Amino acid sequence: MQRVTSAKTPASDRIKWSRIAIAAGQACNAVLRDVEIDALKQQINELKQLTLERLSEDKDSDANEDRRN
């Protein structure tokens, strides 16, 4: 970043280094976004599984209650 902010660096070089820094930042953001999306997908799958298990338990308890009546 010093090359971008230094007054000693020629303007053309500052522009070049600014573009490099922007590209690196965009690459980092893309990777982080992909990681976050994967984590969210995993959480959604876990919630689906827990919900299905809970629904199954509720159906079993309802069936047992019906047998008692």
N, C-alpha and C. Protein backbone atom coordinates (compact mmCIF):
# COMPACT_ATOMS: atom_id res chain seq x y z
N MET A 1 0.81 -1.20 0.00
CA MET A 1 0.00 0.00 0.00
C MET A 1 0.85 1.26 0.00
N GLN A 2 2.10 1.15 0.42
CA GLN A 2 2.96 2.33 0.44
C GLN A 2 3.16 2.89 -0.96
N ARG A 3 3.21 1.99 -1.94
CA ARG A 3 3.41 2.46 -3.31
C ARG A 3 2.19 3.22 -3.82
N VAL A 4 1.04 2.92 -3.27
CA VAL A 4 -0.18 3.61 -3.68
C VAL A 4 -0.25 4.99 -3.04
N THR A 5 0.17 5.09 -1.79
CA THR A 5 0.00 6.33 -1.03
C THR A 5 1.22 7.24 -1.02
N SER A 6 2.36 6.74 -1.45
CA SER A 6 3.59 7.53 -1.40
C SER A 6 3.58 8.64 -2.45
N ALA A 7 3.95 9.82 -2.02
CA ALA A 7 4.04 10.96 -2.95
C ALA A 7 5.22 10.79 -3.90
N LYS A 8 6.19 9.97 -3.51
CA LYS A 8 7.37 9.73 -4.35
C LYS A 8 7.08 8.81 -5.53
N THR A 9 6.00 8.04 -5.43
CA THR A 9 5.65 7.10 -6.50
C THR A 9 4.99 7.87 -7.64
N PRO A 10 5.45 7.65 -8.87
CA PRO A 10 4.81 8.31 -10.02
C PRO A 10 3.32 7.95 -10.11
N ALA A 11 2.54 8.85 -10.65
CA ALA A 11 1.09 8.67 -10.74
C ALA A 11 0.72 7.39 -11.48
N SER A 12 1.43 7.09 -12.55
CA SER A 12 1.12 5.88 -13.33
C SER A 12 1.35 4.62 -12.50
N ASP A 13 2.40 4.63 -11.69
CA ASP A 13 2.67 3.49 -10.81
C ASP A 13 1.63 3.38 -9.70
N ARG A 14 1.21 4.55 -9.18
CA ARG A 14 0.16 4.51 -8.14
C ARG A 14 -1.13 3.92 -8.68
N ILE A 15 -1.46 4.29 -9.90
CA ILE A 15 -2.66 3.73 -10.54
C ILE A 15 -2.51 2.22 -10.71
N LYS A 16 -1.34 1.79 -11.20
CA LYS A 16 -1.09 0.35 -11.40
C LYS A 16 -1.21 -0.39 -10.07
N TRP A 17 -0.56 0.11 -9.02
CA TRP A 17 -0.60 -0.57 -7.72
C TRP A 17 -2.00 -0.51 -7.09
N SER A 18 -2.71 0.57 -7.36
CA SER A 18 -4.10 0.66 -6.88
C SER A 18 -4.95 -0.43 -7.51
N ARG A 19 -4.78 -0.63 -8.80
CA ARG A 19 -5.54 -1.69 -9.50
C ARG A 19 -5.17 -3.07 -8.96
N ILE A 20 -3.89 -3.26 -8.67
CA ILE A 20 -3.45 -4.55 -8.11
C ILE A 20 -4.09 -4.77 -6.74
N ALA A 21 -4.09 -3.73 -5.91
CA ALA A 21 -4.69 -3.84 -4.58
C ALA A 21 -6.19 -4.11 -4.67
N ILE A 22 -6.86 -3.46 -5.60
CA ILE A 22 -8.30 -3.67 -5.79
C ILE A 22 -8.56 -5.11 -6.24
N ALA A 23 -7.77 -5.59 -7.20
CA ALA A 23 -7.95 -6.96 -7.69
C ALA A 23 -7.72 -7.98 -6.57
N ALA A 24 -6.70 -7.74 -5.74
CA ALA A 24 -6.42 -8.65 -4.62
C ALA A 24 -7.58 -8.62 -3.63
N GLY A 25 -8.11 -7.44 -3.35
CA GLY A 25 -9.25 -7.33 -2.45
C GLY A 25 -10.48 -8.04 -2.99
N GLN A 26 -10.73 -7.90 -4.28
CA GLN A 26 -11.87 -8.58 -4.90
C GLN A 26 -11.71 -10.09 -4.84
N ALA A 27 -10.49 -10.58 -5.05
CA ALA A 27 -10.24 -12.02 -4.98
C ALA A 27 -10.49 -12.53 -3.56
N CYS A 28 -10.01 -11.79 -2.57
CA CYS A 28 -10.25 -12.17 -1.17
C CYS A 28 -11.74 -12.19 -0.86
N ASN A 29 -12.45 -11.18 -1.31
CA ASN A 29 -13.89 -11.13 -1.07
C ASN A 29 -14.62 -12.30 -1.72
N ALA A 30 -14.21 -12.67 -2.92
CA ALA A 30 -14.85 -13.79 -3.61
C ALA A 30 -14.62 -15.08 -2.84
N VAL A 31 -13.41 -15.29 -2.36
CA VAL A 31 -13.10 -16.50 -1.59
C VAL A 31 -13.91 -16.52 -0.30
N LEU A 32 -13.93 -15.40 0.40
CA LEU A 32 -14.68 -15.33 1.66
C LEU A 32 -16.17 -15.54 1.42
N ARG A 33 -16.70 -15.00 0.35
CA ARG A 33 -18.12 -15.17 0.02
C ARG A 33 -18.42 -16.65 -0.22
N ASP A 34 -17.54 -17.33 -0.95
CA ASP A 34 -17.74 -18.76 -1.22
C ASP A 34 -17.71 -19.56 0.08
N VAL A 35 -16.78 -19.20 0.97
CA VAL A 35 -16.68 -19.90 2.26
C VAL A 35 -17.95 -19.66 3.08
N GLU A 36 -18.44 -18.42 3.09
CA GLU A 36 -19.65 -18.10 3.83
C GLU A 36 -20.85 -18.84 3.25
N ILE A 37 -20.93 -18.92 1.93
CA ILE A 37 -22.04 -19.62 1.29
C ILE A 37 -22.00 -21.10 1.66
N ASP A 38 -20.82 -21.70 1.64
CA ASP A 38 -20.70 -23.11 2.02
C ASP A 38 -21.11 -23.32 3.47
N ALA A 39 -20.71 -22.41 4.35
CA ALA A 39 -21.09 -22.52 5.77
C ALA A 39 -22.60 -22.38 5.93
N LEU A 40 -23.20 -21.46 5.19
CA LEU A 40 -24.65 -21.29 5.27
C LEU A 40 -25.39 -22.52 4.74
N LYS A 41 -24.88 -23.09 3.66
CA LYS A 41 -25.50 -24.31 3.12
C LYS A 41 -25.44 -25.44 4.14
N GLN A 42 -24.31 -25.56 4.82
CA GLN A 42 -24.16 -26.59 5.84
C GLN A 42 -25.15 -26.36 6.98
N GLN A 43 -25.30 -25.12 7.41
CA GLN A 43 -26.24 -24.81 8.48
C GLN A 43 -27.68 -25.10 8.06
N ILE A 44 -28.01 -24.80 6.81
CA ILE A 44 -29.35 -25.09 6.31
C ILE A 44 -29.60 -26.59 6.30
N ASN A 45 -28.62 -27.36 5.86
CA ASN A 45 -28.78 -28.81 5.86
C ASN A 45 -28.94 -29.36 7.27
N GLU A 46 -28.20 -28.82 8.22
CA GLU A 46 -28.34 -29.25 9.61
C GLU A 46 -29.73 -28.92 10.14
N LEU A 47 -30.22 -27.73 9.82
CA LEU A 47 -31.57 -27.34 10.26
C LEU A 47 -32.63 -28.23 9.64
N LYS A 48 -32.46 -28.57 8.36
CA LYS A 48 -33.41 -29.48 7.71
C LYS A 48 -33.43 -30.83 8.41
N GLN A 49 -32.24 -31.35 8.71
CA GLN A 49 -32.13 -32.64 9.36
C GLN A 49 -32.78 -32.60 10.75
N LEU A 50 -32.49 -31.57 11.51
CA LEU A 50 -33.07 -31.43 12.85
C LEU A 50 -34.59 -31.30 12.78
N THR A 51 -35.07 -30.55 11.79
CA THR A 51 -36.51 -30.38 11.62
C THR A 51 -37.17 -31.69 11.27
N LEU A 52 -36.57 -32.44 10.36
CA LEU A 52 -37.14 -33.73 9.98
C LEU A 52 -37.14 -34.70 11.16
N GLU A 53 -36.06 -34.69 11.95
CA GLU A 53 -36.01 -35.55 13.13
C GLU A 53 -37.10 -35.15 14.12
N ARG A 54 -37.27 -33.86 14.30
CA ARG A 54 -38.27 -33.36 15.25
C ARG A 54 -39.68 -33.72 14.78
N LEU A 55 -39.93 -33.56 13.49
CA LEU A 55 -41.24 -33.91 12.94
C LEU A 55 -41.51 -35.41 13.09
N SER A 56 -40.47 -36.20 12.88
CA SER A 56 -40.61 -37.65 13.04
C SER A 56 -40.94 -38.00 14.48
N GLU A 57 -40.28 -37.34 15.42
CA GLU A 57 -40.55 -37.58 16.84
C GLU A 57 -41.98 -37.18 17.20
N ASP A 58 -42.43 -36.05 16.65
CA ASP A 58 -43.79 -35.59 16.91
C ASP A 58 -44.82 -36.57 16.36
N LYS A 59 -44.57 -37.09 15.16
CA LYS A 59 -45.49 -38.07 14.58
C LYS A 59 -45.55 -39.33 15.42
N ASP A 60 -44.39 -39.77 15.91
CA ASP A 60 -44.34 -40.96 16.75
C ASP A 60 -45.10 -40.75 18.05
N SER A 61 -44.95 -39.59 18.66
CA SER A 61 -45.65 -39.33 19.92
C SER A 61 -47.15 -39.20 19.67
N ASP A 62 -47.55 -38.61 18.53
CA ASP A 62 -48.97 -38.53 18.20
C ASP A 62 -49.56 -39.91 17.96
N ALA A 63 -48.80 -40.77 17.30
CA ALA A 63 -49.28 -42.13 17.02
C ALA A 63 -49.43 -42.89 18.34
N ASN A 64 -48.49 -42.74 19.25
CA ASN A 64 -48.59 -43.41 20.55
C ASN A 64 -49.78 -42.89 21.34
N GLU A 65 -50.04 -41.61 21.26
CA GLU A 65 -51.18 -41.02 21.98
C GLU A 65 -52.49 -41.54 21.40
N ASP A 66 -52.57 -41.67 20.06
CA ASP A 66 -53.78 -42.20 19.42
C ASP A 66 -54.04 -43.63 19.84
N ARG A 67 -52.99 -44.41 20.01
CA ARG A 67 -53.16 -45.80 20.43
C ARG A 67 -53.72 -45.90 21.85
N ARG A 68 -53.32 -44.95 22.67
CA ARG A 68 -53.80 -44.94 24.06
C ARG A 68 -55.29 -44.61 24.13
N ASN A 69 -55.73 -43.77 23.21
CA ASN A 69 -57.16 -43.34 23.23
C ASN A 69 -57.96 -44.37 22.55
